[in-house]
Amino acid sequence: MNEQTRHPGALATAEVHRLETTVEIAPGAIVSRTLARSAGGNVTVFAFDRGQALAEHSAPFDAMVHLFEGTLVVIIAGKEHLLAPGDLIVMPADVPHAVRAPEPAKWMLVMLKGEG
């Protein structure tokens, strides 16, 4: 796939990127950018302002959250996990989860679609 056929928001290939600079925090908002998308899953970066959240939901595949800036609370099956920069957590398929930012945060979500 060449640069012209890639999806909007995709990162340029064969270049070094700093993930925390791919999205900016906006007052009172959630900003997202999908960096990669394929049949096997996708990679999206998010910037949450203080107090922003994703409501509880579930997905049919595992997903990894990697925090690179701020603080994030990831709730999986009702249990809260407090993430600090550098932390990563895997949210299992078909288990209810939610995400909220007690302070501005930047993080990456990697969805891992299963075979089949």
PDB file of N, CA and C in Angstrom:
ATOM      1  N   MET A   1       0.858  -1.162   0.000  1.00  0.00           N
ATOM      2  CA  MET A   1       0.000   0.000   0.000  1.00  0.00           C
ATOM      3  C   MET A   1       0.909   1.231   0.000  1.00  0.00           C
ATOM      4  N   ASN A   2       0.667   2.160  -0.904  1.00  0.00           N
ATOM      5  CA  ASN A   2       1.503   3.346  -0.928  1.00  0.00           C
ATOM      6  C   ASN A   2       0.877   4.465  -0.103  1.00  0.00           C
ATOM      7  N   GLU A   3       1.627   5.554   0.061  1.00  0.00           N
ATOM      8  CA  GLU A   3       1.162   6.668   0.902  1.00  0.00           C
ATOM      9  C   GLU A   3      -0.177   7.230   0.434  1.00  0.00           C
ATOM     10  N   GLN A   4      -0.471   7.186  -0.854  1.00  0.00           N
ATOM     11  CA  GLN A   4      -1.705   7.768  -1.381  1.00  0.00           C
ATOM     12  C   GLN A   4      -2.928   6.904  -1.106  1.00  0.00           C
ATOM     13  N   THR A   5      -2.748   5.604  -0.849  1.00  0.00           N
ATOM     14  CA  THR A   5      -3.896   4.726  -0.614  1.00  0.00           C
ATOM     15  C   THR A   5      -4.107   4.431   0.869  1.00  0.00           C
ATOM     16  N   ARG A   6      -3.290   4.978   1.727  1.00  0.00           N
ATOM     17  CA  ARG A   6      -3.439   4.767   3.162  1.00  0.00           C
ATOM     18  C   ARG A   6      -4.603   5.600   3.681  1.00  0.00           C
ATOM     19  N   HIS A   7      -5.173   5.206   4.822  1.00  0.00           N
ATOM     20  CA  HIS A   7      -6.319   5.931   5.378  1.00  0.00           C
ATOM     21  C   HIS A   7      -5.902   7.294   5.939  1.00  0.00           C
ATOM     22  N   PRO A   8      -6.852   8.228   6.004  1.00  0.00           N
ATOM     23  CA  PRO A   8      -6.528   9.542   6.581  1.00  0.00           C
ATOM     24  C   PRO A   8      -6.039   9.388   8.021  1.00  0.00           C
ATOM     25  N   GLY A   9      -5.036  10.129   8.381  1.00  0.00           N
ATOM     26  CA  GLY A   9      -4.492  10.071   9.740  1.00  0.00           C
ATOM     27  C   GLY A   9      -3.336   9.097   9.899  1.00  0.00           C
ATOM     28  N   ALA A  10      -3.131   8.228   8.894  1.00  0.00           N
ATOM     29  CA  ALA A  10      -2.044   7.255   8.995  1.00  0.00           C
ATOM     30  C   ALA A  10      -0.705   7.966   9.069  1.00  0.00           C
ATOM     31  N   LEU A  11       0.214   7.390   9.810  1.00  0.00           N
ATOM     32  CA  LEU A  11       1.560   7.948   9.907  1.00  0.00           C
ATOM     33  C   LEU A  11       2.343   7.643   8.635  1.00  0.00           C
ATOM     34  N   ALA A  12       3.213   8.545   8.276  1.00  0.00           N
ATOM     35  CA  ALA A  12       4.106   8.307   7.144  1.00  0.00           C
ATOM     36  C   ALA A  12       4.997   7.110   7.466  1.00  0.00           C
ATOM     37  N   THR A  13       5.277   6.306   6.482  1.00  0.00           N
ATOM     38  CA  THR A  13       6.128   5.138   6.680  1.00  0.00           C
ATOM     39  C   THR A  13       7.597   5.532   6.617  1.00  0.00           C
ATOM     40  N   ALA A  14       8.439   4.682   7.164  1.00  0.00           N
ATOM     41  CA  ALA A  14       9.895   4.839   7.139  1.00  0.00           C
ATOM     42  C   ALA A  14      10.344   6.170   7.743  1.00  0.00           C
ATOM     43  N   GLU A  15       9.596   6.639   8.756  1.00  0.00           N
ATOM     44  CA  GLU A  15       9.957   7.844   9.492  1.00  0.00           C
ATOM     45  C   GLU A  15       9.791   7.573  10.976  1.00  0.00           C
ATOM     46  N   VAL A  16      10.579   8.241  11.796  1.00  0.00           N
ATOM     47  CA  VAL A  16      10.463   8.122  13.246  1.00  0.00           C
ATOM     48  C   VAL A  16       9.387   9.093  13.723  1.00  0.00           C
ATOM     49  N   HIS A  17       8.496   8.621  14.607  1.00  0.00           N
ATOM     50  CA  HIS A  17       7.408   9.440  15.140  1.00  0.00           C
ATOM     51  C   HIS A  17       7.418   9.379  16.662  1.00  0.00           C
ATOM     52  N   ARG A  18       7.044  10.457  17.316  1.00  0.00           N
ATOM     53  CA  ARG A  18       6.845  10.484  18.771  1.00  0.00           C
ATOM     54  C   ARG A  18       5.345  10.439  18.988  1.00  0.00           C
ATOM     55  N   LEU A  19       4.857   9.348  19.557  1.00  0.00           N
ATOM     56  CA  LEU A  19       3.416   9.140  19.685  1.00  0.00           C
ATOM     57  C   LEU A  19       2.704  10.258  20.427  1.00  0.00           C
ATOM     58  N   GLU A  20       3.334  10.809  21.473  1.00  0.00           N
ATOM     59  CA  GLU A  20       2.657  11.844  22.253  1.00  0.00           C
ATOM     60  C   GLU A  20       2.437  13.133  21.464  1.00  0.00           C
ATOM     61  N   THR A  21       3.094  13.271  20.310  1.00  0.00           N
ATOM     62  CA  THR A  21       2.892  14.481  19.504  1.00  0.00           C
ATOM     63  C   THR A  21       1.885  14.268  18.369  1.00  0.00           C
ATOM     64  N   THR A  22       1.325  13.080  18.263  1.00  0.00           N
ATOM     65  CA  THR A  22       0.396  12.806  17.156  1.00  0.00           C
ATOM     66  C   THR A  22      -1.015  13.306  17.427  1.00  0.00           C
ATOM     67  N   VAL A  23      -1.322  13.641  18.682  1.00  0.00           N
ATOM     68  CA  VAL A  23      -2.607  14.258  19.043  1.00  0.00           C
ATOM     69  C   VAL A  23      -2.342  15.329  20.092  1.00  0.00           C
ATOM     70  N   GLU A  24      -3.213  16.315  20.138  1.00  0.00           N
ATOM     71  CA  GLU A  24      -3.106  17.385  21.123  1.00  0.00           C
ATOM     72  C   GLU A  24      -4.351  17.416  21.990  1.00  0.00           C
ATOM     73  N   ILE A  25      -4.200  17.735  23.258  1.00  0.00           N
ATOM     74  CA  ILE A  25      -5.333  17.857  24.181  1.00  0.00           C
ATOM     75  C   ILE A  25      -6.090  19.131  23.839  1.00  0.00           C
ATOM     76  N   ALA A  26      -7.409  19.009  23.738  1.00  0.00           N
ATOM     77  CA  ALA A  26      -8.275  20.155  23.456  1.00  0.00           C
ATOM     78  C   ALA A  26      -9.181  20.365  24.662  1.00  0.00           C
ATOM     79  N   PRO A  27      -9.408  21.612  25.059  1.00  0.00           N
ATOM     80  CA  PRO A  27     -10.235  21.893  26.236  1.00  0.00           C
ATOM     81  C   PRO A  27     -11.628  21.247  26.138  1.00  0.00           C
ATOM     82  N   GLY A  28     -11.972  20.469  27.174  1.00  0.00           N
ATOM     83  CA  GLY A  28     -13.290  19.855  27.263  1.00  0.00           C
ATOM     84  C   GLY A  28     -13.598  18.821  26.203  1.00  0.00           C
ATOM     85  N   ALA A  29     -12.577  18.208  25.616  1.00  0.00           N
ATOM     86  CA  ALA A  29     -12.817  17.326  24.471  1.00  0.00           C
ATOM     87  C   ALA A  29     -11.997  16.046  24.520  1.00  0.00           C
ATOM     88  N   ILE A  30     -12.411  15.125  23.645  1.00  0.00           N
ATOM     89  CA  ILE A  30     -11.650  13.919  23.333  1.00  0.00           C
ATOM     90  C   ILE A  30     -11.195  14.064  21.891  1.00  0.00           C
ATOM     91  N   VAL A  31      -9.900  13.912  21.671  1.00  0.00           N
ATOM     92  CA  VAL A  31      -9.347  13.961  20.321  1.00  0.00           C
ATOM     93  C   VAL A  31      -8.787  12.576  20.024  1.00  0.00           C
ATOM     94  N   SER A  32      -9.036  12.064  18.815  1.00  0.00           N
ATOM     95  CA  SER A  32      -8.480  10.762  18.448  1.00  0.00           C
ATOM     96  C   SER A  32      -7.935  10.809  17.033  1.00  0.00           C
ATOM     97  N   ARG A  33      -6.981   9.923  16.788  1.00  0.00           N
ATOM     98  CA  ARG A  33      -6.394   9.800  15.456  1.00  0.00           C
ATOM     99  C   ARG A  33      -6.029   8.335  15.248  1.00  0.00           C
ATOM    100  N   THR A  34      -6.576   7.728  14.202  1.00  0.00           N
ATOM    101  CA  THR A  34      -6.236   6.347  13.874  1.00  0.00           C
ATOM    102  C   THR A  34      -4.944   6.356  13.076  1.00  0.00           C
ATOM    103  N   LEU A  35      -3.924   5.704  13.629  1.00  0.00           N
ATOM    104  CA  LEU A  35      -2.600   5.702  13.010  1.00  0.00           C
ATOM    105  C   LEU A  35      -2.413   4.552  12.039  1.00  0.00           C
ATOM    106  N   ALA A  36      -3.080   3.421  12.316  1.00  0.00           N
ATOM    107  CA  ALA A  36      -2.948   2.240  11.457  1.00  0.00           C
ATOM    108  C   ALA A  36      -4.226   1.437  11.536  1.00  0.00           C
ATOM    109  N   ARG A  37      -4.571   0.817  10.416  1.00  0.00           N
ATOM    110  CA  ARG A  37      -5.791   0.011  10.354  1.00  0.00           C
ATOM    111  C   ARG A  37      -5.531  -1.155   9.400  1.00  0.00           C
ATOM    112  N   SER A  38      -5.915  -2.364   9.847  1.00  0.00           N
ATOM    113  CA  SER A  38      -5.783  -3.544   8.993  1.00  0.00           C
ATOM    114  C   SER A  38      -6.835  -4.557   9.408  1.00  0.00           C
ATOM    115  N   ALA A  39      -6.892  -5.664   8.704  1.00  0.00           N
ATOM    116  CA  ALA A  39      -7.848  -6.719   9.039  1.00  0.00           C
ATOM    117  C   ALA A  39      -7.573  -7.284  10.436  1.00  0.00           C
ATOM    118  N   GLY A  40      -6.334  -7.172  10.915  1.00  0.00           N
ATOM    119  CA  GLY A  40      -5.964  -7.704  12.220  1.00  0.00           C
ATOM    120  C   GLY A  40      -6.224  -6.774  13.384  1.00  0.00           C
ATOM    121  N   GLY A  41      -6.622  -5.538  13.093  1.00  0.00           N
ATOM    122  CA  GLY A  41      -6.899  -4.600  14.166  1.00  0.00           C
ATOM    123  C   GLY A  41      -6.541  -3.186  13.770  1.00  0.00           C
ATOM    124  N   ASN A  42      -6.476  -2.302  14.760  1.00  0.00           N
ATOM    125  CA  ASN A  42      -6.088  -0.929  14.474  1.00  0.00           C
ATOM    126  C   ASN A  42      -5.391  -0.306  15.677  1.00  0.00           C
ATOM    127  N   VAL A  43      -4.713   0.804  15.404  1.00  0.00           N
ATOM    128  CA  VAL A  43      -3.990   1.554  16.420  1.00  0.00           C
ATOM    129  C   VAL A  43      -4.524   2.982  16.384  1.00  0.00           C
ATOM    130  N   THR A  44      -5.021   3.453  17.535  1.00  0.00           N
ATOM    131  CA  THR A  44      -5.578   4.794  17.638  1.00  0.00           C
ATOM    132  C   THR A  44      -4.960   5.478  18.842  1.00  0.00           C
ATOM    133  N   VAL A  45      -4.598   6.751  18.681  1.00  0.00           N
ATOM    134  CA  VAL A  45      -4.120   7.537  19.810  1.00  0.00           C
ATOM    135  C   VAL A  45      -5.225   8.503  20.224  1.00  0.00           C
ATOM    136  N   PHE A  46      -5.283   8.760  21.522  1.00  0.00           N
ATOM    137  CA  PHE A  46      -6.318   9.628  22.093  1.00  0.00           C
ATOM    138  C   PHE A  46      -5.670  10.706  22.951  1.00  0.00           C
ATOM    139  N   ALA A  47      -6.318  11.856  22.991  1.00  0.00           N
ATOM    140  CA  ALA A  47      -5.971  12.922  23.934  1.00  0.00           C
ATOM    141  C   ALA A  47      -7.275  13.274  24.647  1.00  0.00           C
ATOM    142  N   PHE A  48      -7.318  13.048  25.950  1.00  0.00           N
ATOM    143  CA  PHE A  48      -8.497  13.349  26.772  1.00  0.00           C
ATOM    144  C   PHE A  48      -8.181  14.551  27.646  1.00  0.00           C
ATOM    145  N   ASP A  49      -9.065  15.528  27.670  1.00  0.00           N
ATOM    146  CA  ASP A  49      -8.936  16.584  28.653  1.00  0.00           C
ATOM    147  C   ASP A  49      -9.413  16.032  29.996  1.00  0.00           C
ATOM    148  N   ARG A  50      -9.101  16.740  31.064  1.00  0.00           N
ATOM    149  CA  ARG A  50      -9.522  16.352  32.411  1.00  0.00           C
ATOM    150  C   ARG A  50     -11.038  16.086  32.423  1.00  0.00           C
ATOM    151  N   GLY A  51     -11.427  14.947  33.000  1.00  0.00           N
ATOM    152  CA  GLY A  51     -12.835  14.619  33.159  1.00  0.00           C
ATOM    153  C   GLY A  51     -13.483  13.924  31.978  1.00  0.00           C
ATOM    154  N   GLN A  52     -12.786  13.797  30.861  1.00  0.00           N
ATOM    155  CA  GLN A  52     -13.364  13.114  29.705  1.00  0.00           C
ATOM    156  C   GLN A  52     -13.346  11.607  29.935  1.00  0.00           C
ATOM    157  N   ALA A  53     -14.297  10.903  29.300  1.00  0.00           N
ATOM    158  CA  ALA A  53     -14.420   9.463  29.538  1.00  0.00           C
ATOM    159  C   ALA A  53     -15.074   8.767  28.356  1.00  0.00           C
ATOM    160  N   LEU A  54     -14.830   7.474  28.271  1.00  0.00           N
ATOM    161  CA  LEU A  54     -15.572   6.585  27.386  1.00  0.00           C
ATOM    162  C   LEU A  54     -16.456   5.736  28.284  1.00  0.00           C
ATOM    163  N   ALA A  55     -17.749   5.730  28.000  1.00  0.00           N
ATOM    164  CA  ALA A  55     -18.703   4.983  28.820  1.00  0.00           C
ATOM    165  C   ALA A  55     -18.442   3.480  28.724  1.00  0.00           C
ATOM    166  N   GLU A  56     -18.939   2.769  29.722  1.00  0.00           N
ATOM    167  CA  GLU A  56     -18.760   1.316  29.752  1.00  0.00           C
ATOM    168  C   GLU A  56     -19.332   0.675  28.494  1.00  0.00           C
ATOM    169  N   HIS A  57     -18.554  -0.229  27.928  1.00  0.00           N
ATOM    170  CA  HIS A  57     -18.948  -0.975  26.741  1.00  0.00           C
ATOM    171  C   HIS A  57     -18.082  -2.238  26.683  1.00  0.00           C
ATOM    172  N   SER A  58     -18.311  -3.078  25.709  1.00  0.00           N
ATOM    173  CA  SER A  58     -17.440  -4.231  25.503  1.00  0.00           C
ATOM    174  C   SER A  58     -17.159  -4.355  24.015  1.00  0.00           C
ATOM    175  N   ALA A  59     -16.124  -5.104  23.695  1.00  0.00           N
ATOM    176  CA  ALA A  59     -15.732  -5.323  22.303  1.00  0.00           C
ATOM    177  C   ALA A  59     -15.475  -6.810  22.110  1.00  0.00           C
ATOM    178  N   PRO A  60     -15.634  -7.302  20.888  1.00  0.00           N
ATOM    179  CA  PRO A  60     -15.468  -8.738  20.646  1.00  0.00           C
ATOM    180  C   PRO A  60     -14.011  -9.190  20.506  1.00  0.00           C
ATOM    181  N   PHE A  61     -13.062  -8.324  20.879  1.00  0.00           N
ATOM    182  CA  PHE A  61     -11.648  -8.690  20.780  1.00  0.00           C
ATOM    183  C   PHE A  61     -10.859  -7.961  21.858  1.00  0.00           C
ATOM    184  N   ASP A  62      -9.668  -8.478  22.161  1.00  0.00           N
ATOM    185  CA  ASP A  62      -8.808  -7.847  23.163  1.00  0.00           C
ATOM    186  C   ASP A  62      -8.359  -6.473  22.681  1.00  0.00           C
ATOM    187  N   ALA A  63      -8.070  -5.592  23.646  1.00  0.00           N
ATOM    188  CA  ALA A  63      -7.550  -4.264  23.325  1.00  0.00           C
ATOM    189  C   ALA A  63      -6.533  -3.875  24.389  1.00  0.00           C
ATOM    190  N   MET A  64      -5.438  -3.269  23.949  1.00  0.00           N
ATOM    191  CA  MET A  64      -4.393  -2.807  24.865  1.00  0.00           C
ATOM    192  C   MET A  64      -4.441  -1.293  24.965  1.00  0.00           C
ATOM    193  N   VAL A  65      -4.313  -0.795  26.187  1.00  0.00           N
ATOM    194  CA  VAL A  65      -4.207   0.638  26.444  1.00  0.00           C
ATOM    195  C   VAL A  65      -2.797   0.904  26.946  1.00  0.00           C
ATOM    196  N   HIS A  66      -2.105   1.846  26.296  1.00  0.00           N
ATOM    197  CA  HIS A  66      -0.762   2.247  26.727  1.00  0.00           C
ATOM    198  C   HIS A  66      -0.792   3.752  26.958  1.00  0.00           C
ATOM    199  N   LEU A  67      -0.534   4.160  28.197  1.00  0.00           N
ATOM    200  CA  LEU A  67      -0.569   5.575  28.564  1.00  0.00           C
ATOM    201  C   LEU A  67       0.806   6.193  28.393  1.00  0.00           C
ATOM    202  N   PHE A  68       0.887   7.352  27.674  1.00  0.00           N
ATOM    203  CA  PHE A  68       2.172   8.021  27.594  1.00  0.00           C
ATOM    204  C   PHE A  68       2.208   9.372  28.277  1.00  0.00           C
ATOM    205  N   GLU A  69       1.088   9.928  28.683  1.00  0.00           N
ATOM    206  CA  GLU A  69       1.127  11.223  29.368  1.00  0.00           C
ATOM    207  C   GLU A  69      -0.114  11.364  30.245  1.00  0.00           C
ATOM    208  N   GLY A  70       0.038  11.889  31.463  1.00  0.00           N
ATOM    209  CA  GLY A  70      -1.096  12.130  32.354  1.00  0.00           C
ATOM    210  C   GLY A  70      -1.429  10.920  33.205  1.00  0.00           C
ATOM    211  N   THR A  71      -2.689  10.833  33.588  1.00  0.00           N
ATOM    212  CA  THR A  71      -3.210   9.734  34.401  1.00  0.00           C
ATOM    213  C   THR A  71      -4.492   9.247  33.759  1.00  0.00           C
ATOM    214  N   LEU A  72      -4.712   7.937  33.791  1.00  0.00           N
ATOM    215  CA  LEU A  72      -5.909   7.353  33.200  1.00  0.00           C
ATOM    216  C   LEU A  72      -6.437   6.272  34.127  1.00  0.00           C
ATOM    217  N   VAL A  73      -7.757   6.217  34.262  1.00  0.00           N
ATOM    218  CA  VAL A  73      -8.392   5.143  35.011  1.00  0.00           C
ATOM    219  C   VAL A  73      -9.079   4.240  34.000  1.00  0.00           C
ATOM    220  N   VAL A  74      -8.698   2.962  34.013  1.00  0.00           N
ATOM    221  CA  VAL A  74      -9.323   1.965  33.150  1.00  0.00           C
ATOM    222  C   VAL A  74     -10.113   1.036  34.058  1.00  0.00           C
ATOM    223  N   ILE A  75     -11.404   0.916  33.791  1.00  0.00           N
ATOM    224  CA  ILE A  75     -12.277   0.065  34.596  1.00  0.00           C
ATOM    225  C   ILE A  75     -12.608  -1.175  33.777  1.00  0.00           C
ATOM    226  N   ILE A  76     -12.262  -2.344  34.309  1.00  0.00           N
ATOM    227  CA  ILE A  76     -12.517  -3.615  33.636  1.00  0.00           C
ATOM    228  C   ILE A  76     -13.338  -4.477  34.567  1.00  0.00           C
ATOM    229  N   ALA A  77     -14.525  -4.865  34.121  1.00  0.00           N
ATOM    230  CA  ALA A  77     -15.428  -5.692  34.930  1.00  0.00           C
ATOM    231  C   ALA A  77     -15.643  -5.079  36.312  1.00  0.00           C
ATOM    232  N   GLY A  78     -15.767  -3.743  36.365  1.00  0.00           N
ATOM    233  CA  GLY A  78     -16.045  -3.051  37.612  1.00  0.00           C
ATOM    234  C   GLY A  78     -14.838  -2.745  38.478  1.00  0.00           C
ATOM    235  N   LYS A  79     -13.643  -3.233  38.111  1.00  0.00           N
ATOM    236  CA  LYS A  79     -12.434  -2.988  38.903  1.00  0.00           C
ATOM    237  C   LYS A  79     -11.630  -1.860  38.264  1.00  0.00           C
ATOM    238  N   GLU A  80     -11.274  -0.848  39.084  1.00  0.00           N
ATOM    239  CA  GLU A  80     -10.507   0.300  38.599  1.00  0.00           C
ATOM    240  C   GLU A  80      -9.007   0.017  38.617  1.00  0.00           C
ATOM    241  N   HIS A  81      -8.354   0.433  37.532  1.00  0.00           N
ATOM    242  CA  HIS A  81      -6.905   0.320  37.403  1.00  0.00           C
ATOM    243  C   HIS A  81      -6.378   1.712  37.091  1.00  0.00           C
ATOM    244  N   LEU A  82      -5.502   2.249  37.934  1.00  0.00           N
ATOM    245  CA  LEU A  82      -4.934   3.570  37.736  1.00  0.00           C
ATOM    246  C   LEU A  82      -3.625   3.438  36.962  1.00  0.00           C
ATOM    247  N   LEU A  83      -3.571   4.060  35.795  1.00  0.00           N
ATOM    248  CA  LEU A  83      -2.383   3.988  34.953  1.00  0.00           C
ATOM    249  C   LEU A  83      -1.575   5.271  35.064  1.00  0.00           C
ATOM    250  N   ALA A  84      -0.256   5.101  35.110  1.00  0.00           N
ATOM    251  CA  ALA A  84       0.711   6.200  35.089  1.00  0.00           C
ATOM    252  C   ALA A  84       1.462   6.118  33.763  1.00  0.00           C
ATOM    253  N   PRO A  85       2.132   7.189  33.357  1.00  0.00           N
ATOM    254  CA  PRO A  85       2.861   7.153  32.088  1.00  0.00           C
ATOM    255  C   PRO A  85       3.779   5.938  31.987  1.00  0.00           C
ATOM    256  N   GLY A  86       3.700   5.272  30.849  1.00  0.00           N
ATOM    257  CA  GLY A  86       4.479   4.055  30.606  1.00  0.00           C
ATOM    258  C   GLY A  86       3.714   2.784  30.881  1.00  0.00           C
ATOM    259  N   ASP A  87       2.584   2.871  31.634  1.00  0.00           N
ATOM    260  CA  ASP A  87       1.802   1.674  31.954  1.00  0.00           C
ATOM    261  C   ASP A  87       0.994   1.195  30.755  1.00  0.00           C
ATOM    262  N   LEU A  88       0.755  -0.104  30.735  1.00  0.00           N
ATOM    263  CA  LEU A  88      -0.038  -0.758  29.699  1.00  0.00           C
ATOM    264  C   LEU A  88      -0.971  -1.752  30.364  1.00  0.00           C
ATOM    265  N   ILE A  89      -2.201  -1.847  29.877  1.00  0.00           N
ATOM    266  CA  ILE A  89      -3.148  -2.838  30.386  1.00  0.00           C
ATOM    267  C   ILE A  89      -3.904  -3.437  29.203  1.00  0.00           C
ATOM    268  N   VAL A  90      -4.222  -4.722  29.296  1.00  0.00           N
ATOM    269  CA  VAL A  90      -4.994  -5.400  28.258  1.00  0.00           C
ATOM    270  C   VAL A  90      -6.422  -5.560  28.752  1.00  0.00           C
ATOM    271  N   MET A  91      -7.356  -5.083  27.946  1.00  0.00           N
ATOM    272  CA  MET A  91      -8.780  -5.251  28.242  1.00  0.00           C
ATOM    273  C   MET A  91      -9.253  -6.475  27.466  1.00  0.00           C
ATOM    274  N   PRO A  92      -9.728  -7.510  28.170  1.00  0.00           N
ATOM    275  CA  PRO A  92     -10.093  -8.750  27.484  1.00  0.00           C
ATOM    276  C   PRO A  92     -11.378  -8.622  26.669  1.00  0.00           C
ATOM    277  N   ALA A  93     -11.453  -9.413  25.636  1.00  0.00           N
ATOM    278  CA  ALA A  93     -12.631  -9.446  24.764  1.00  0.00           C
ATOM    279  C   ALA A  93     -13.888  -9.762  25.565  1.00  0.00           C
ATOM    280  N   ASP A  94     -14.985  -9.132  25.171  1.00  0.00           N
ATOM    281  CA  ASP A  94     -16.320  -9.409  25.708  1.00  0.00           C
ATOM    282  C   ASP A  94     -16.487  -9.114  27.196  1.00  0.00           C
ATOM    283  N   VAL A  95     -15.588  -8.338  27.777  1.00  0.00           N
ATOM    284  CA  VAL A  95     -15.688  -7.944  29.184  1.00  0.00           C
ATOM    285  C   VAL A  95     -15.954  -6.439  29.223  1.00  0.00           C
ATOM    286  N   PRO A  96     -16.982  -5.995  29.952  1.00  0.00           N
ATOM    287  CA  PRO A  96     -17.272  -4.559  30.005  1.00  0.00           C
ATOM    288  C   PRO A  96     -16.083  -3.759  30.549  1.00  0.00           C
ATOM    289  N   HIS A  97     -15.830  -2.622  29.891  1.00  0.00           N
ATOM    290  CA  HIS A  97     -14.739  -1.751  30.313  1.00  0.00           C
ATOM    291  C   HIS A  97     -15.100  -0.297  30.021  1.00  0.00           C
ATOM    292  N   ALA A  98     -14.412   0.611  30.701  1.00  0.00           N
ATOM    293  CA  ALA A  98     -14.597   2.052  30.521  1.00  0.00           C
ATOM    294  C   ALA A  98     -13.258   2.718  30.778  1.00  0.00           C
ATOM    295  N   VAL A  99     -13.136   3.965  30.325  1.00  0.00           N
ATOM    296  CA  VAL A  99     -11.895   4.724  30.489  1.00  0.00           C
ATOM    297  C   VAL A  99     -12.262   6.142  30.894  1.00  0.00           C
ATOM    298  N   ARG A 100     -11.515   6.694  31.885  1.00  0.00           N
ATOM    299  CA  ARG A 100     -11.731   8.100  32.235  1.00  0.00           C
ATOM    300  C   ARG A 100     -10.409   8.741  32.615  1.00  0.00           C
ATOM    301  N   ALA A 101     -10.362  10.055  32.399  1.00  0.00           N
ATOM    302  CA  ALA A 101      -9.139  10.812  32.642  1.00  0.00           C
ATOM    303  C   ALA A 101      -9.342  11.787  33.796  1.00  0.00           C
ATOM    304  N   PRO A 102      -8.758  11.508  34.972  1.00  0.00           N
ATOM    305  CA  PRO A 102      -8.855  12.454  36.090  1.00  0.00           C
ATOM    306  C   PRO A 102      -8.009  13.710  35.861  1.00  0.00           C
ATOM    307  N   GLU A 103      -7.120  13.661  34.886  1.00  0.00           N
ATOM    308  CA  GLU A 103      -6.314  14.810  34.465  1.00  0.00           C
ATOM    309  C   GLU A 103      -6.066  14.636  32.967  1.00  0.00           C
ATOM    310  N   PRO A 104      -5.624  15.672  32.261  1.00  0.00           N
ATOM    311  CA  PRO A 104      -5.363  15.511  30.829  1.00  0.00           C
ATOM    312  C   PRO A 104      -4.436  14.319  30.584  1.00  0.00           C
ATOM    313  N   ALA A 105      -4.739  13.557  29.539  1.00  0.00           N
ATOM    314  CA  ALA A 105      -3.981  12.336  29.269  1.00  0.00           C
ATOM    315  C   ALA A 105      -3.888  12.073  27.773  1.00  0.00           C
ATOM    316  N   LYS A 106      -2.782  11.437  27.392  1.00  0.00           N
ATOM    317  CA  LYS A 106      -2.597  10.966  26.024  1.00  0.00           C
ATOM    318  C   LYS A 106      -2.279   9.480  26.099  1.00  0.00           C
ATOM    319  N   TRP A 107      -2.972   8.710  25.250  1.00  0.00           N
ATOM    320  CA  TRP A 107      -2.797   7.267  25.323  1.00  0.00           C
ATOM    321  C   TRP A 107      -3.059   6.620  23.971  1.00  0.00           C
ATOM    322  N   MET A 108      -2.626   5.377  23.861  1.00  0.00           N
ATOM    323  CA  MET A 108      -2.789   4.621  22.625  1.00  0.00           C
ATOM    324  C   MET A 108      -3.654   3.393  22.890  1.00  0.00           C
ATOM    325  N   LEU A 109      -4.554   3.122  21.970  1.00  0.00           N
ATOM    326  CA  LEU A 109      -5.394   1.938  22.009  1.00  0.00           C
ATOM    327  C   LEU A 109      -5.032   1.061  20.827  1.00  0.00           C
ATOM    328  N   VAL A 110      -4.683  -0.191  21.116  1.00  0.00           N
ATOM    329  CA  VAL A 110      -4.373  -1.173  20.073  1.00  0.00           C
ATOM    330  C   VAL A 110      -5.430  -2.260  20.146  1.00  0.00           C
ATOM    331  N   MET A 111      -6.264  -2.354  19.111  1.00  0.00           N
ATOM    332  CA  MET A 111      -7.304  -3.395  19.062  1.00  0.00           C
ATOM    333  C   MET A 111      -6.732  -4.592  18.309  1.00  0.00           C
ATOM    334  N   LEU A 112      -6.883  -5.762  18.929  1.00  0.00           N
ATOM    335  CA  LEU A 112      -6.315  -6.996  18.389  1.00  0.00           C
ATOM    336  C   LEU A 112      -7.432  -7.935  17.976  1.00  0.00           C
ATOM    337  N   LYS A 113      -7.827  -7.866  16.724  1.00  0.00           N
ATOM    338  CA  LYS A 113      -8.909  -8.720  16.247  1.00  0.00           C
ATOM    339  C   LYS A 113      -8.411 -10.146  16.128  1.00  0.00           C
ATOM    340  N   GLY A 114      -9.216 -11.076  16.639  1.00  0.00           N
ATOM    341  CA  GLY A 114      -8.835 -12.481  16.617  1.00  0.00           C
ATOM    342  C   GLY A 114      -8.977 -13.090  15.242  1.00  0.00           C
ATOM    343  N   GLU A 115      -8.386 -14.259  15.092  1.00  0.00           N
ATOM    344  CA  GLU A 115      -8.524 -14.988  13.829  1.00  0.00           C
ATOM    345  C   GLU A 115      -9.933 -15.532  13.725  1.00  0.00           C
ATOM    346  N   GLY A 116     -10.369 -15.663  12.507  1.00  0.00           N
ATOM    347  CA  GLY A 116     -11.656 -16.307  12.333  1.00  0.00           C
ATOM    348  C   GLY A 116     -12.591 -15.434  11.653  1.00  0.00           C
TER     349      GLY A 116
END
